[in-house]
Amino acid sequence: MQNRLLFSLLSVCLFGLAQADDDFDRAVSSVCEYTKANDRAGLRRKLDDSGIELRRTYEDIRCGNDSLLRVAAGNGAVDAATIIITKAGKRALTEPEKDGLTSVQWAQKKHDAGDAATKGKIKPVLELMQSKL
């Protein structure tokens, strides 16, 4: 009897953890989409509603292989980048990612190597990032 009770409690706990992971993954997916679309209101609402604290979880949030700031820069999403920088803090700008580049260095590299359309998208976000350093 005691083993059954323990097993039941353990199953409920594990199911709850799996459900929490699924909820977090769905929230991150939405955050990525709002960032790509430069939807400031949607991004702010999703972060608040889901309880995602970017200051603590920024490095864990990936949109494909990129961080939120890289997604914002690549899509010219200045409004989204403003919220991300405000909520994640300066560390999001200064810590190197897996490739050894900070978001600012990555954006500068993309800007320098890009064509006119790419430069036009990245430049406003790059300037915002540089102003926050």
C-alpha atoms as a PDB file:
ATOM      1  CA  MET A   1       0.000   0.000   0.000  1.00  0.00           C
ATOM      2  CA  GLN A   2       2.789   2.386   0.942  1.00  0.00           C
ATOM      3  CA  ASN A   3       4.648   1.660  -2.312  1.00  0.00           C
ATOM      4  CA  ARG A   4       1.519   2.434  -4.349  1.00  0.00           C
ATOM      5  CA  LEU A   5       1.044   5.737  -2.591  1.00  0.00           C
ATOM      6  CA  LEU A   6       4.678   6.667  -3.125  1.00  0.00           C
ATOM      7  CA  PHE A   7       4.488   5.679  -6.788  1.00  0.00           C
ATOM      8  CA  SER A   8       1.306   7.725  -7.253  1.00  0.00           C
ATOM      9  CA  LEU A   9       2.858  10.788  -5.658  1.00  0.00           C
ATOM     10  CA  LEU A  10       5.999  10.418  -7.737  1.00  0.00           C
ATOM     11  CA  SER A  11       3.952  10.046 -10.934  1.00  0.00           C
ATOM     12  CA  VAL A  12       1.952  13.184 -10.159  1.00  0.00           C
ATOM     13  CA  CYS A  13       5.140  15.152  -9.461  1.00  0.00           C
ATOM     14  CA  LEU A  14       6.828  13.984 -12.666  1.00  0.00           C
ATOM     15  CA  PHE A  15       3.714  14.733 -14.708  1.00  0.00           C
ATOM     16  CA  GLY A  16       3.612  18.217 -13.184  1.00  0.00           C
ATOM     17  CA  LEU A  17       7.261  18.802 -14.118  1.00  0.00           C
ATOM     18  CA  ALA A  18       6.673  17.608 -17.674  1.00  0.00           C
ATOM     19  CA  GLN A  19       3.640  19.880 -17.941  1.00  0.00           C
ATOM     20  CA  ALA A  20       5.691  22.828 -16.662  1.00  0.00           C
ATOM     21  CA  ASP A  21       8.374  22.132 -19.297  1.00  0.00           C
ATOM     22  CA  ASP A  22       5.728  22.037 -22.043  1.00  0.00           C
ATOM     23  CA  ASP A  23       4.228  25.321 -20.816  1.00  0.00           C
ATOM     24  CA  PHE A  24       7.674  26.946 -20.755  1.00  0.00           C
ATOM     25  CA  ASP A  25       8.472  25.672 -24.260  1.00  0.00           C
ATOM     26  CA  ARG A  26       5.183  27.050 -25.612  1.00  0.00           C
ATOM     27  CA  ALA A  27       5.798  30.392 -23.902  1.00  0.00           C
ATOM     28  CA  VAL A  28       9.332  30.587 -25.323  1.00  0.00           C
ATOM     29  CA  SER A  29       8.008  29.811 -28.796  1.00  0.00           C
ATOM     30  CA  SER A  30       5.531  32.680 -28.469  1.00  0.00           C
ATOM     31  CA  VAL A  31       8.234  35.015 -27.146  1.00  0.00           C
ATOM     32  CA  CYS A  32      10.351  34.185 -30.203  1.00  0.00           C
ATOM     33  CA  GLU A  33       7.453  34.860 -32.565  1.00  0.00           C
ATOM     34  CA  TYR A  34       6.611  38.184 -30.906  1.00  0.00           C
ATOM     35  CA  THR A  35      10.280  39.156 -31.110  1.00  0.00           C
ATOM     36  CA  LYS A  36      10.496  38.312 -34.826  1.00  0.00           C
ATOM     37  CA  ALA A  37       7.331  40.315 -35.495  1.00  0.00           C
ATOM     38  CA  ASN A  38       8.584  43.260 -33.390  1.00  0.00           C
ATOM     39  CA  ASP A  39       5.311  43.051 -31.431  1.00  0.00           C
ATOM     40  CA  ARG A  40       6.164  45.045 -28.321  1.00  0.00           C
ATOM     41  CA  ALA A  41       2.762  44.664 -26.643  1.00  0.00           C
ATOM     42  CA  GLY A  42       2.515  40.941 -27.375  1.00  0.00           C
ATOM     43  CA  LEU A  43       6.044  40.309 -26.149  1.00  0.00           C
ATOM     44  CA  ARG A  44       5.499  42.231 -22.931  1.00  0.00           C
ATOM     45  CA  ARG A  45       2.152  40.501 -22.302  1.00  0.00           C
ATOM     46  CA  LYS A  46       3.585  37.005 -22.955  1.00  0.00           C
ATOM     47  CA  LEU A  47       6.553  37.597 -20.635  1.00  0.00           C
ATOM     48  CA  ASP A  48       4.262  38.892 -17.884  1.00  0.00           C
ATOM     49  CA  ASP A  49       1.544  36.239 -18.313  1.00  0.00           C
ATOM     50  CA  SER A  50       3.979  33.322 -18.439  1.00  0.00           C
ATOM     51  CA  GLY A  51       6.112  34.580 -15.559  1.00  0.00           C
ATOM     52  CA  ILE A  52       9.310  34.424 -17.605  1.00  0.00           C
ATOM     53  CA  GLU A  53      11.917  36.599 -15.946  1.00  0.00           C
ATOM     54  CA  LEU A  54      14.468  37.405 -18.628  1.00  0.00           C
ATOM     55  CA  ARG A  55      17.022  38.562 -16.086  1.00  0.00           C
ATOM     56  CA  ARG A  56      17.198  34.972 -14.767  1.00  0.00           C
ATOM     57  CA  THR A  57      16.379  32.932 -17.867  1.00  0.00           C
ATOM     58  CA  TYR A  58      17.713  34.910 -20.836  1.00  0.00           C
ATOM     59  CA  GLU A  59      20.564  32.509 -21.613  1.00  0.00           C
ATOM     60  CA  ASP A  60      18.141  29.541 -21.564  1.00  0.00           C
ATOM     61  CA  ILE A  61      15.803  31.013 -24.151  1.00  0.00           C
ATOM     62  CA  ARG A  62      16.746  30.059 -27.692  1.00  0.00           C
ATOM     63  CA  CYS A  63      14.908  30.726 -30.918  1.00  0.00           C
ATOM     64  CA  GLY A  64      16.348  27.999 -33.059  1.00  0.00           C
ATOM     65  CA  ASN A  65      20.076  28.491 -32.542  1.00  0.00           C
ATOM     66  CA  ASP A  66      19.902  32.202 -31.746  1.00  0.00           C
ATOM     67  CA  SER A  67      19.336  34.279 -28.640  1.00  0.00           C
ATOM     68  CA  LEU A  68      16.434  36.718 -28.438  1.00  0.00           C
ATOM     69  CA  LEU A  69      18.658  39.716 -29.134  1.00  0.00           C
ATOM     70  CA  ARG A  70      20.120  38.078 -32.218  1.00  0.00           C
ATOM     71  CA  VAL A  71      16.614  37.316 -33.461  1.00  0.00           C
ATOM     72  CA  ALA A  72      15.587  40.915 -32.806  1.00  0.00           C
ATOM     73  CA  ALA A  73      18.650  42.255 -34.633  1.00  0.00           C
ATOM     74  CA  GLY A  74      18.224  39.945 -37.596  1.00  0.00           C
ATOM     75  CA  ASN A  75      14.617  41.047 -37.991  1.00  0.00           C
ATOM     76  CA  GLY A  76      15.132  44.753 -37.332  1.00  0.00           C
ATOM     77  CA  ALA A  77      12.937  44.496 -34.243  1.00  0.00           C
ATOM     78  CA  VAL A  78      13.951  47.626 -32.322  1.00  0.00           C
ATOM     79  CA  ASP A  79      10.857  47.684 -30.094  1.00  0.00           C
ATOM     80  CA  ALA A  80      11.309  44.047 -29.089  1.00  0.00           C
ATOM     81  CA  ALA A  81      15.049  44.573 -28.516  1.00  0.00           C
ATOM     82  CA  THR A  82      14.271  47.500 -26.209  1.00  0.00           C
ATOM     83  CA  ILE A  83      12.076  45.308 -24.005  1.00  0.00           C
ATOM     84  CA  ILE A  84      14.573  42.436 -24.050  1.00  0.00           C
ATOM     85  CA  ILE A  85      17.488  44.658 -23.040  1.00  0.00           C
ATOM     86  CA  THR A  86      15.431  46.328 -20.320  1.00  0.00           C
ATOM     87  CA  LYS A  87      14.199  43.056 -18.848  1.00  0.00           C
ATOM     88  CA  ALA A  88      17.335  40.943 -19.376  1.00  0.00           C
ATOM     89  CA  GLY A  89      19.835  43.572 -18.320  1.00  0.00           C
ATOM     90  CA  LYS A  90      23.241  44.572 -19.582  1.00  0.00           C
ATOM     91  CA  ARG A  91      24.544  41.022 -19.158  1.00  0.00           C
ATOM     92  CA  ALA A  92      22.544  40.002 -22.246  1.00  0.00           C
ATOM     93  CA  LEU A  93      24.699  42.424 -24.240  1.00  0.00           C
ATOM     94  CA  THR A  94      28.071  41.630 -22.730  1.00  0.00           C
ATOM     95  CA  GLU A  95      28.176  37.859 -22.219  1.00  0.00           C
ATOM     96  CA  PRO A  96      29.582  35.824 -25.091  1.00  0.00           C
ATOM     97  CA  GLU A  97      27.339  33.132 -26.507  1.00  0.00           C
ATOM     98  CA  LYS A  98      28.337  29.669 -27.722  1.00  0.00           C
ATOM     99  CA  ASP A  99      30.182  31.066 -30.728  1.00  0.00           C
ATOM    100  CA  GLY A 100      32.280  33.342 -28.495  1.00  0.00           C
ATOM    101  CA  LEU A 101      30.628  36.549 -29.706  1.00  0.00           C
ATOM    102  CA  THR A 102      28.418  38.861 -27.700  1.00  0.00           C
ATOM    103  CA  SER A 103      25.127  39.940 -29.274  1.00  0.00           C
ATOM    104  CA  VAL A 104      26.666  43.315 -30.088  1.00  0.00           C
ATOM    105  CA  GLN A 105      29.696  41.743 -31.777  1.00  0.00           C
ATOM    106  CA  TRP A 106      27.448  39.352 -33.706  1.00  0.00           C
ATOM    107  CA  ALA A 107      25.209  42.182 -34.908  1.00  0.00           C
ATOM    108  CA  GLN A 108      28.237  44.275 -35.914  1.00  0.00           C
ATOM    109  CA  LYS A 109      29.675  41.328 -37.865  1.00  0.00           C
ATOM    110  CA  LYS A 110      26.352  40.707 -39.656  1.00  0.00           C
ATOM    111  CA  HIS A 111      26.004  44.402 -40.399  1.00  0.00           C
ATOM    112  CA  ASP A 112      29.506  44.679 -41.839  1.00  0.00           C
ATOM    113  CA  ALA A 113      29.124  41.572 -44.005  1.00  0.00           C
ATOM    114  CA  GLY A 114      25.546  42.195 -45.108  1.00  0.00           C
ATOM    115  CA  ASP A 115      23.972  43.687 -48.161  1.00  0.00           C
ATOM    116  CA  ALA A 116      21.988  46.949 -48.035  1.00  0.00           C
ATOM    117  CA  ALA A 117      18.765  45.249 -46.893  1.00  0.00           C
ATOM    118  CA  THR A 118      20.522  43.384 -44.094  1.00  0.00           C
ATOM    119  CA  LYS A 119      22.358  46.507 -42.978  1.00  0.00           C
ATOM    120  CA  GLY A 120      19.089  48.432 -42.931  1.00  0.00           C
ATOM    121  CA  LYS A 121      17.477  45.875 -40.643  1.00  0.00           C
ATOM    122  CA  ILE A 122      20.365  45.381 -38.261  1.00  0.00           C
ATOM    123  CA  LYS A 123      21.648  48.947 -37.935  1.00  0.00           C
ATOM    124  CA  PRO A 124      18.879  50.376 -35.684  1.00  0.00           C
ATOM    125  CA  VAL A 125      19.069  47.412 -33.298  1.00  0.00           C
ATOM    126  CA  LEU A 126      22.870  47.517 -33.303  1.00  0.00           C
ATOM    127  CA  GLU A 127      22.812  51.219 -32.460  1.00  0.00           C
ATOM    128  CA  LEU A 128      20.345  50.549 -29.629  1.00  0.00           C
ATOM    129  CA  MET A 129      22.563  47.794 -28.228  1.00  0.00           C
ATOM    130  CA  GLN A 130      25.662  49.973 -28.439  1.00  0.00           C
ATOM    131  CA  SER A 131      23.879  52.827 -26.659  1.00  0.00           C
ATOM    132  CA  LYS A 132      23.058  50.531 -23.725  1.00  0.00           C
ATOM    133  CA  LEU A 133      26.676  49.490 -23.111  1.00  0.00           C
END
